[in-house]
Structures are given as C-alpha cells and as structure tokens.
Amino acid sequence: MITVNILSGDLESANSQSLLFPLIQNENLIAEHGIRMKFYNSEGSDLADCDALFIVSSKFIWSLNLQV
C-alpha cells in the first residue's frame, strides 16, 4: 500500500476545495487501488512519514523543514 499524506490547511479557498473534492469523494476507490490517503490541516509530527507528500496550499511550502 502506498501512503500519500495531503496537507491542505484550511479549506476556505475555492481552489483547494475543488482540488480535494474528487479525492475525498473517491477515497474508497483510490484505496482499492493500493493508495491510502491521510489528510492534514496543519503540520503534524508524522506528516513526512509517507511515500508521497501532496501540499495543496503554498503557504506551507516555506514553513516546512523536510529532509528530501
């Protein structure tokens, strides 16, 4: 199973909502294909514990201190 962490922040932006809506609506179908999604609205201690990190809001890019 592939784990994808999604850092979305608040969902006030229409762009964020429209990007995440299909993922949320199809979460079970996506999981059936071997992809587990975990949603975060703020930085968490296990945020980088994943195979792929998807950052929806650019405001998080500068504040993250991730090792690549």
N, C-alpha and C. Protein backbone atom coordinates (compact mmCIF):
# COMPACT_ATOMS: atom_id res chain seq x y z
N MET A 1 0.85 -1.18 0.00
CA MET A 1 0.00 0.00 0.00
C MET A 1 0.89 1.24 0.00
N ILE A 2 0.57 2.18 -0.83
CA ILE A 2 1.27 3.46 -0.91
C ILE A 2 0.53 4.46 -0.03
N THR A 3 1.28 5.18 0.78
CA THR A 3 0.67 6.20 1.65
C THR A 3 0.96 7.58 1.10
N VAL A 4 -0.09 8.35 0.89
CA VAL A 4 0.01 9.73 0.42
C VAL A 4 -0.57 10.63 1.50
N ASN A 5 0.26 11.49 2.05
CA ASN A 5 -0.21 12.48 3.00
C ASN A 5 -0.54 13.77 2.26
N ILE A 6 -1.69 14.33 2.58
CA ILE A 6 -2.17 15.53 1.90
C ILE A 6 -2.31 16.65 2.92
N LEU A 7 -1.49 17.67 2.77
CA LEU A 7 -1.51 18.83 3.65
C LEU A 7 -2.34 19.91 2.96
N SER A 8 -3.53 20.13 3.49
CA SER A 8 -4.46 21.04 2.81
C SER A 8 -4.63 22.37 3.52
N GLY A 9 -4.34 22.44 4.79
CA GLY A 9 -4.62 23.67 5.53
C GLY A 9 -6.12 23.88 5.63
N ASP A 10 -6.53 25.12 5.75
CA ASP A 10 -7.97 25.38 5.80
C ASP A 10 -8.55 25.28 4.39
N LEU A 11 -9.81 25.01 4.32
CA LEU A 11 -10.45 24.83 3.02
C LEU A 11 -11.28 26.04 2.63
N GLU A 12 -10.79 27.22 2.96
CA GLU A 12 -11.50 28.44 2.61
C GLU A 12 -11.37 28.76 1.12
N SER A 13 -10.30 28.34 0.53
CA SER A 13 -10.05 28.63 -0.88
C SER A 13 -10.88 27.72 -1.78
N ALA A 14 -11.53 28.31 -2.77
CA ALA A 14 -12.30 27.52 -3.72
C ALA A 14 -11.38 26.59 -4.52
N ASN A 15 -10.15 27.03 -4.77
CA ASN A 15 -9.20 26.19 -5.49
C ASN A 15 -8.87 24.93 -4.69
N SER A 16 -8.64 25.08 -3.39
CA SER A 16 -8.36 23.93 -2.53
C SER A 16 -9.55 22.99 -2.50
N GLN A 17 -10.73 23.54 -2.36
CA GLN A 17 -11.94 22.71 -2.31
C GLN A 17 -12.12 21.92 -3.59
N SER A 18 -11.95 22.58 -4.73
CA SER A 18 -12.18 21.90 -6.00
C SER A 18 -11.10 20.85 -6.29
N LEU A 19 -9.91 21.05 -5.77
CA LEU A 19 -8.84 20.09 -5.95
C LEU A 19 -9.04 18.85 -5.08
N LEU A 20 -9.50 19.06 -3.85
CA LEU A 20 -9.63 17.95 -2.90
C LEU A 20 -10.95 17.18 -3.03
N PHE A 21 -11.98 17.82 -3.53
CA PHE A 21 -13.30 17.19 -3.59
C PHE A 21 -13.28 15.82 -4.27
N PRO A 22 -12.69 15.69 -5.47
CA PRO A 22 -12.69 14.37 -6.11
C PRO A 22 -11.90 13.32 -5.32
N LEU A 23 -10.86 13.75 -4.64
CA LEU A 23 -10.08 12.81 -3.83
C LEU A 23 -10.89 12.29 -2.66
N ILE A 24 -11.59 13.20 -1.99
CA ILE A 24 -12.41 12.82 -0.84
C ILE A 24 -13.58 11.95 -1.28
N GLN A 25 -14.23 12.33 -2.36
CA GLN A 25 -15.39 11.56 -2.86
C GLN A 25 -15.00 10.15 -3.30
N ASN A 26 -13.79 9.97 -3.78
CA ASN A 26 -13.35 8.68 -4.30
C ASN A 26 -12.31 8.00 -3.43
N GLU A 27 -12.26 8.36 -2.18
CA GLU A 27 -11.24 7.82 -1.28
C GLU A 27 -11.26 6.28 -1.22
N ASN A 28 -12.45 5.69 -1.16
CA ASN A 28 -12.54 4.22 -1.10
C ASN A 28 -12.06 3.58 -2.40
N LEU A 29 -12.42 4.14 -3.53
CA LEU A 29 -11.98 3.62 -4.82
C LEU A 29 -10.46 3.72 -4.95
N ILE A 30 -9.91 4.82 -4.52
CA ILE A 30 -8.46 5.01 -4.55
C ILE A 30 -7.77 3.99 -3.66
N ALA A 31 -8.35 3.73 -2.48
CA ALA A 31 -7.79 2.75 -1.55
C ALA A 31 -7.82 1.34 -2.15
N GLU A 32 -8.86 1.04 -2.92
CA GLU A 32 -8.94 -0.27 -3.58
C GLU A 32 -7.79 -0.48 -4.56
N HIS A 33 -7.20 0.60 -5.03
CA HIS A 33 -6.07 0.52 -5.96
C HIS A 33 -4.73 0.63 -5.24
N GLY A 34 -4.74 0.50 -3.91
CA GLY A 34 -3.50 0.43 -3.15
C GLY A 34 -2.92 1.76 -2.71
N ILE A 35 -3.74 2.79 -2.68
CA ILE A 35 -3.26 4.11 -2.25
C ILE A 35 -4.07 4.55 -1.04
N ARG A 36 -3.37 4.75 0.06
CA ARG A 36 -4.03 5.24 1.28
C ARG A 36 -3.72 6.72 1.43
N MET A 37 -4.76 7.51 1.59
CA MET A 37 -4.59 8.95 1.74
C MET A 37 -4.87 9.34 3.19
N LYS A 38 -4.03 10.22 3.71
CA LYS A 38 -4.24 10.79 5.04
C LYS A 38 -4.25 12.31 4.87
N PHE A 39 -5.29 12.94 5.39
CA PHE A 39 -5.45 14.38 5.24
C PHE A 39 -5.00 15.11 6.50
N TYR A 40 -4.30 16.20 6.31
CA TYR A 40 -3.82 17.04 7.41
C TYR A 40 -4.23 18.48 7.13
N ASN A 41 -4.63 19.19 8.18
CA ASN A 41 -4.92 20.62 8.01
C ASN A 41 -3.84 21.48 8.64
N SER A 42 -2.86 20.84 9.27
CA SER A 42 -1.71 21.56 9.82
C SER A 42 -0.54 20.57 9.88
N GLU A 43 0.62 21.10 10.13
CA GLU A 43 1.82 20.26 10.20
C GLU A 43 1.71 19.34 11.41
N GLY A 44 1.95 18.06 11.19
CA GLY A 44 1.93 17.09 12.28
C GLY A 44 3.26 16.39 12.36
N SER A 45 3.47 15.70 13.45
CA SER A 45 4.76 15.04 13.66
C SER A 45 4.99 13.91 12.66
N ASP A 46 3.91 13.30 12.17
CA ASP A 46 4.06 12.19 11.23
C ASP A 46 3.74 12.59 9.79
N LEU A 47 3.74 13.89 9.52
CA LEU A 47 3.39 14.38 8.19
C LEU A 47 4.32 13.82 7.11
N ALA A 48 5.60 13.74 7.38
CA ALA A 48 6.58 13.28 6.39
C ALA A 48 6.72 11.76 6.36
N ASP A 49 5.97 11.05 7.19
CA ASP A 49 6.01 9.60 7.24
C ASP A 49 5.08 9.03 6.17
N CYS A 50 5.52 9.11 4.91
CA CYS A 50 4.67 8.71 3.79
C CYS A 50 5.54 8.43 2.58
N ASP A 51 4.91 7.88 1.55
CA ASP A 51 5.60 7.65 0.29
C ASP A 51 5.58 8.90 -0.59
N ALA A 52 4.50 9.69 -0.44
CA ALA A 52 4.37 10.94 -1.21
C ALA A 52 3.65 11.97 -0.36
N LEU A 53 4.13 13.20 -0.44
CA LEU A 53 3.51 14.30 0.29
C LEU A 53 2.94 15.28 -0.73
N PHE A 54 1.65 15.53 -0.63
CA PHE A 54 0.95 16.43 -1.54
C PHE A 54 0.56 17.67 -0.75
N ILE A 55 1.13 18.82 -1.11
CA ILE A 55 0.85 20.07 -0.40
C ILE A 55 -0.07 20.90 -1.27
N VAL A 56 -1.29 21.13 -0.79
CA VAL A 56 -2.30 21.85 -1.55
C VAL A 56 -2.07 23.35 -1.48
N SER A 57 -1.75 23.85 -0.30
CA SER A 57 -1.61 25.29 -0.11
C SER A 57 -0.14 25.70 -0.11
N SER A 58 0.19 26.69 -0.90
CA SER A 58 1.58 27.13 -1.00
C SER A 58 2.09 27.78 0.28
N LYS A 59 1.19 28.19 1.18
CA LYS A 59 1.64 28.83 2.41
C LYS A 59 2.45 27.88 3.29
N PHE A 60 2.32 26.57 3.07
CA PHE A 60 3.07 25.59 3.86
C PHE A 60 4.46 25.33 3.31
N ILE A 61 4.69 25.62 2.06
CA ILE A 61 5.97 25.30 1.43
C ILE A 61 7.13 25.93 2.20
N TRP A 62 7.00 27.18 2.54
CA TRP A 62 8.10 27.90 3.19
C TRP A 62 8.27 27.54 4.65
N SER A 63 7.21 27.06 5.31
CA SER A 63 7.31 26.78 6.73
C SER A 63 7.77 25.36 7.02
N LEU A 64 7.72 24.46 6.03
CA LEU A 64 8.13 23.08 6.27
C LEU A 64 9.64 22.94 6.24
N ASN A 65 10.14 22.14 7.13
CA ASN A 65 11.57 21.86 7.17
C ASN A 65 11.75 20.36 6.97
N LEU A 66 11.49 19.88 5.74
CA LEU A 66 11.54 18.46 5.45
C LEU A 66 12.86 18.10 4.81
N GLN A 67 13.32 16.92 5.16
CA GLN A 67 14.53 16.37 4.56
C GLN A 67 14.10 15.54 3.35
N VAL A 68 14.67 15.82 2.21
CA VAL A 68 14.31 15.08 1.00
C VAL A 68 15.36 14.04 0.72
